[in-house]
N, C-alpha and C. Protein backbone atom coordinates (compact mmCIF):
# COMPACT_ATOMS: atom_id res chain seq x y z
N ILE A 1 0.83 -1.20 0.00
CA ILE A 1 0.00 0.00 0.00
C ILE A 1 0.87 1.25 0.00
N ASP A 2 1.98 1.24 0.72
CA ASP A 2 2.87 2.40 0.74
C ASP A 2 3.38 2.73 -0.66
N ALA A 3 3.70 1.71 -1.45
CA ALA A 3 4.19 1.93 -2.82
C ALA A 3 3.12 2.62 -3.66
N ILE A 4 1.88 2.22 -3.47
CA ILE A 4 0.79 2.84 -4.21
C ILE A 4 0.66 4.31 -3.82
N GLU A 5 0.77 4.60 -2.54
CA GLU A 5 0.68 5.98 -2.06
C GLU A 5 1.85 6.80 -2.59
N GLU A 6 3.05 6.21 -2.64
CA GLU A 6 4.22 6.92 -3.14
C GLU A 6 4.06 7.27 -4.61
N VAL A 7 3.57 6.34 -5.41
CA VAL A 7 3.33 6.60 -6.82
C VAL A 7 2.30 7.72 -6.95
N SER A 8 1.29 7.63 -6.13
CA SER A 8 0.25 8.64 -6.13
C SER A 8 0.81 10.03 -5.82
N LEU A 9 1.69 10.10 -4.83
CA LEU A 9 2.30 11.37 -4.48
C LEU A 9 3.21 11.86 -5.60
N ALA A 10 3.95 10.95 -6.22
CA ALA A 10 4.83 11.32 -7.33
C ALA A 10 4.00 11.85 -8.50
N GLU A 11 2.90 11.19 -8.78
CA GLU A 11 2.03 11.65 -9.86
C GLU A 11 1.44 13.02 -9.54
N GLN A 12 1.08 13.23 -8.30
CA GLN A 12 0.55 14.53 -7.89
C GLN A 12 1.60 15.62 -8.10
N GLN A 13 2.86 15.33 -7.74
CA GLN A 13 3.94 16.29 -7.93
C GLN A 13 4.09 16.64 -9.41
N GLN A 14 3.96 15.63 -10.28
CA GLN A 14 4.14 15.85 -11.72
C GLN A 14 2.99 16.63 -12.33
N ARG A 15 1.90 16.74 -11.63
CA ARG A 15 0.74 17.46 -12.16
C ARG A 15 0.57 18.86 -11.57
N LYS A 16 1.41 19.18 -10.59
CA LYS A 16 1.30 20.49 -9.94
C LYS A 16 1.56 21.60 -10.95
N PRO A 17 0.81 22.68 -10.84
CA PRO A 17 1.06 23.82 -11.73
C PRO A 17 2.47 24.38 -11.54
N LEU A 18 3.01 24.91 -12.62
CA LEU A 18 4.33 25.53 -12.59
C LEU A 18 4.20 27.01 -12.92
N SER A 19 5.03 27.84 -12.32
CA SER A 19 5.02 29.26 -12.68
C SER A 19 5.88 29.49 -13.91
N SER A 20 6.76 28.53 -14.20
CA SER A 20 7.64 28.60 -15.36
C SER A 20 7.89 27.17 -15.82
N VAL A 21 8.03 26.96 -17.13
CA VAL A 21 8.24 25.60 -17.63
C VAL A 21 9.56 25.01 -17.13
N GLY A 22 10.51 25.84 -16.78
CA GLY A 22 11.78 25.37 -16.26
C GLY A 22 11.81 25.17 -14.75
N GLU A 23 10.73 25.58 -14.08
CA GLU A 23 10.68 25.48 -12.62
C GLU A 23 10.80 24.02 -12.17
N GLY A 24 11.66 23.80 -11.21
CA GLY A 24 11.77 22.47 -10.62
C GLY A 24 12.57 21.46 -11.41
N LEU A 25 13.16 21.87 -12.54
CA LEU A 25 14.00 20.93 -13.29
C LEU A 25 15.23 20.60 -12.45
N THR A 26 15.54 19.33 -12.36
CA THR A 26 16.76 18.95 -11.65
C THR A 26 17.95 19.24 -12.57
N ILE A 27 19.14 19.22 -11.99
CA ILE A 27 20.35 19.43 -12.79
C ILE A 27 20.44 18.36 -13.87
N LEU A 28 20.10 17.12 -13.52
CA LEU A 28 20.15 16.03 -14.49
C LEU A 28 19.14 16.21 -15.61
N GLU A 29 17.91 16.61 -15.27
CA GLU A 29 16.89 16.84 -16.29
C GLU A 29 17.32 17.96 -17.24
N ARG A 30 17.83 19.04 -16.66
CA ARG A 30 18.29 20.18 -17.47
C ARG A 30 19.41 19.73 -18.41
N ALA A 31 20.36 18.97 -17.88
CA ALA A 31 21.48 18.48 -18.69
C ALA A 31 20.99 17.56 -19.81
N ASN A 32 20.06 16.67 -19.49
CA ASN A 32 19.53 15.76 -20.51
C ASN A 32 18.78 16.51 -21.61
N PHE A 33 17.91 17.43 -21.22
CA PHE A 33 17.17 18.20 -22.23
C PHE A 33 18.13 19.01 -23.10
N THR A 34 19.10 19.65 -22.47
CA THR A 34 20.06 20.47 -23.22
C THR A 34 20.87 19.61 -24.18
N SER A 35 21.35 18.48 -23.69
CA SER A 35 22.18 17.59 -24.50
C SER A 35 21.39 16.96 -25.64
N ILE A 36 20.26 16.37 -25.32
CA ILE A 36 19.50 15.60 -26.32
C ILE A 36 18.67 16.49 -27.24
N LEU A 37 18.00 17.48 -26.69
CA LEU A 37 17.08 18.28 -27.50
C LEU A 37 17.72 19.53 -28.10
N PHE A 38 18.84 19.98 -27.54
CA PHE A 38 19.46 21.21 -28.02
C PHE A 38 20.93 21.05 -28.36
N SER A 39 21.36 19.79 -28.56
CA SER A 39 22.74 19.49 -28.96
C SER A 39 23.75 20.27 -28.12
N ASN A 40 23.52 20.30 -26.81
CA ASN A 40 24.40 20.97 -25.83
C ASN A 40 24.44 22.49 -25.96
N ASP A 41 23.43 23.09 -26.57
CA ASP A 41 23.36 24.55 -26.69
C ASP A 41 22.58 25.12 -25.51
N ASP A 42 23.31 25.50 -24.45
CA ASP A 42 22.67 26.04 -23.25
C ASP A 42 21.85 27.29 -23.55
N ASN A 43 22.39 28.17 -24.36
CA ASN A 43 21.67 29.41 -24.68
C ASN A 43 20.37 29.12 -25.43
N GLY A 44 20.43 28.19 -26.36
CA GLY A 44 19.21 27.81 -27.10
C GLY A 44 18.16 27.25 -26.17
N PHE A 45 18.58 26.40 -25.24
CA PHE A 45 17.65 25.82 -24.27
C PHE A 45 17.04 26.90 -23.39
N ASN A 46 17.88 27.78 -22.86
CA ASN A 46 17.38 28.85 -21.99
C ASN A 46 16.46 29.82 -22.73
N ASP A 47 16.79 30.14 -23.98
CA ASP A 47 15.92 31.00 -24.79
C ASP A 47 14.57 30.34 -25.00
N MET A 48 14.57 29.03 -25.27
CA MET A 48 13.32 28.31 -25.47
C MET A 48 12.49 28.37 -24.19
N LEU A 49 13.11 28.17 -23.03
CA LEU A 49 12.36 28.23 -21.78
C LEU A 49 11.67 29.58 -21.62
N ASP A 50 12.41 30.66 -21.88
CA ASP A 50 11.83 32.01 -21.77
C ASP A 50 10.69 32.21 -22.77
N ASN A 51 10.90 31.76 -24.00
CA ASN A 51 9.90 31.95 -25.05
C ASN A 51 8.64 31.14 -24.78
N VAL A 52 8.79 29.91 -24.29
CA VAL A 52 7.63 29.09 -23.96
C VAL A 52 6.83 29.74 -22.83
N ASP A 53 7.52 30.28 -21.85
CA ASP A 53 6.83 30.95 -20.74
C ASP A 53 6.01 32.15 -21.21
N ASP A 54 6.41 32.77 -22.32
CA ASP A 54 5.70 33.93 -22.84
C ASP A 54 4.51 33.58 -23.72
N CYS A 55 4.31 32.31 -24.01
CA CYS A 55 3.20 31.89 -24.88
C CYS A 55 1.86 32.04 -24.16
N ASN A 56 0.80 32.10 -24.96
CA ASN A 56 -0.54 32.31 -24.43
C ASN A 56 -1.39 31.05 -24.38
N SER A 57 -0.89 29.94 -24.93
CA SER A 57 -1.66 28.70 -24.93
C SER A 57 -0.72 27.50 -24.98
N VAL A 58 -1.26 26.36 -24.61
CA VAL A 58 -0.50 25.12 -24.67
C VAL A 58 -0.08 24.85 -26.11
N ASP A 59 -1.01 25.04 -27.05
CA ASP A 59 -0.72 24.77 -28.46
C ASP A 59 0.41 25.66 -28.97
N GLU A 60 0.34 26.94 -28.66
CA GLU A 60 1.38 27.88 -29.08
C GLU A 60 2.73 27.49 -28.48
N ALA A 61 2.73 27.15 -27.19
CA ALA A 61 3.98 26.79 -26.51
C ALA A 61 4.57 25.49 -27.06
N THR A 62 3.72 24.52 -27.34
CA THR A 62 4.19 23.25 -27.89
C THR A 62 4.79 23.44 -29.27
N LYS A 63 4.12 24.22 -30.10
CA LYS A 63 4.65 24.50 -31.45
C LYS A 63 5.99 25.22 -31.37
N LEU A 64 6.10 26.20 -30.49
CA LEU A 64 7.35 26.93 -30.33
C LEU A 64 8.46 26.00 -29.86
N PHE A 65 8.16 25.15 -28.89
CA PHE A 65 9.13 24.18 -28.39
C PHE A 65 9.62 23.29 -29.53
N ARG A 66 8.69 22.75 -30.30
CA ARG A 66 9.07 21.83 -31.39
C ARG A 66 9.92 22.52 -32.45
N LYS A 67 9.63 23.79 -32.72
CA LYS A 67 10.44 24.54 -33.69
C LYS A 67 11.83 24.85 -33.16
N SER A 68 11.96 24.95 -31.85
CA SER A 68 13.21 25.38 -31.21
C SER A 68 14.25 24.27 -31.11
N ILE A 69 13.80 23.02 -31.05
CA ILE A 69 14.75 21.95 -30.75
C ILE A 69 15.67 21.64 -31.92
N ASN A 70 16.85 21.16 -31.56
CA ASN A 70 17.86 20.71 -32.51
C ASN A 70 18.41 19.40 -31.93
N PRO A 71 17.61 18.31 -32.05
CA PRO A 71 17.93 17.09 -31.32
C PRO A 71 19.20 16.39 -31.80
N TYR A 72 19.80 15.67 -30.87
CA TYR A 72 20.99 14.89 -31.15
C TYR A 72 20.94 13.62 -30.31
N GLY A 73 21.11 12.48 -30.95
CA GLY A 73 21.14 11.22 -30.21
C GLY A 73 20.24 10.18 -30.84
N ARG A 74 20.08 9.09 -30.11
CA ARG A 74 19.24 8.00 -30.59
C ARG A 74 17.78 8.44 -30.63
N LYS A 75 17.06 7.94 -31.61
CA LYS A 75 15.65 8.31 -31.78
C LYS A 75 14.85 8.05 -30.50
N GLU A 76 15.11 6.91 -29.85
CA GLU A 76 14.37 6.57 -28.63
C GLU A 76 14.62 7.62 -27.54
N ASP A 77 15.87 8.05 -27.40
CA ASP A 77 16.21 9.05 -26.39
C ASP A 77 15.57 10.40 -26.72
N VAL A 78 15.62 10.77 -27.99
CA VAL A 78 15.03 12.04 -28.43
C VAL A 78 13.52 12.02 -28.19
N ASP A 79 12.87 10.94 -28.62
CA ASP A 79 11.41 10.84 -28.45
C ASP A 79 11.00 10.90 -26.98
N LEU A 80 11.76 10.23 -26.13
CA LEU A 80 11.45 10.24 -24.70
C LEU A 80 11.65 11.64 -24.11
N ALA A 81 12.71 12.32 -24.51
CA ALA A 81 12.97 13.67 -24.00
C ALA A 81 11.88 14.64 -24.46
N ILE A 82 11.47 14.53 -25.71
CA ILE A 82 10.40 15.39 -26.23
C ILE A 82 9.11 15.16 -25.44
N LYS A 83 8.75 13.89 -25.27
CA LYS A 83 7.52 13.55 -24.53
C LYS A 83 7.60 14.09 -23.10
N SER A 84 8.73 13.88 -22.47
CA SER A 84 8.91 14.32 -21.09
C SER A 84 8.78 15.84 -20.97
N PHE A 85 9.41 16.57 -21.88
CA PHE A 85 9.34 18.03 -21.81
C PHE A 85 7.93 18.51 -22.13
N GLU A 86 7.31 17.92 -23.15
CA GLU A 86 5.97 18.37 -23.54
C GLU A 86 4.94 18.13 -22.45
N GLU A 87 5.17 17.18 -21.56
CA GLU A 87 4.27 16.95 -20.44
C GLU A 87 4.32 18.10 -19.44
N ARG A 88 5.40 18.87 -19.44
CA ARG A 88 5.53 20.02 -18.54
C ARG A 88 4.74 21.22 -19.03
N ILE A 89 4.60 21.35 -20.34
CA ILE A 89 4.04 22.57 -20.93
C ILE A 89 2.63 22.91 -20.40
N PRO A 90 1.69 21.98 -20.38
CA PRO A 90 0.34 22.35 -19.89
C PRO A 90 0.32 22.83 -18.44
N ARG A 91 1.35 22.48 -17.69
CA ARG A 91 1.37 22.85 -16.26
C ARG A 91 1.62 24.34 -16.04
N ILE A 92 2.01 25.10 -17.08
CA ILE A 92 2.20 26.54 -16.89
C ILE A 92 0.96 27.34 -17.26
N PHE A 93 -0.08 26.66 -17.72
CA PHE A 93 -1.31 27.37 -18.13
C PHE A 93 -2.46 27.09 -17.18
C-alpha cells in the first residue's frame, strides 16, 4: 500500500502547476534536455524556456518548443525527452 501511495504522491507532484516551464527541473533533467534536444546549446535551451513561458496557450507553446529543438542522439532518447518536456508545458497554463 505504501508503494501505491508513493506513486500517487509522485504523480501529484508531476501534475502540480508551474510558474515557469523550467521550474523544478533537476540538474540532471536540465542536462539531458540540453544535451539531447538542443545538442548541448545552453543558450538555445534557456531561450526556449523564456519563449515558452511567454506563450498564451499550450498549443502555441508546444509548437514553439518543437520549432526550437535541434535534437541529437538515438531516436528513442530524443522521443522520450520530447515527450517528457511536452508533459511540462500544460502545467504553466
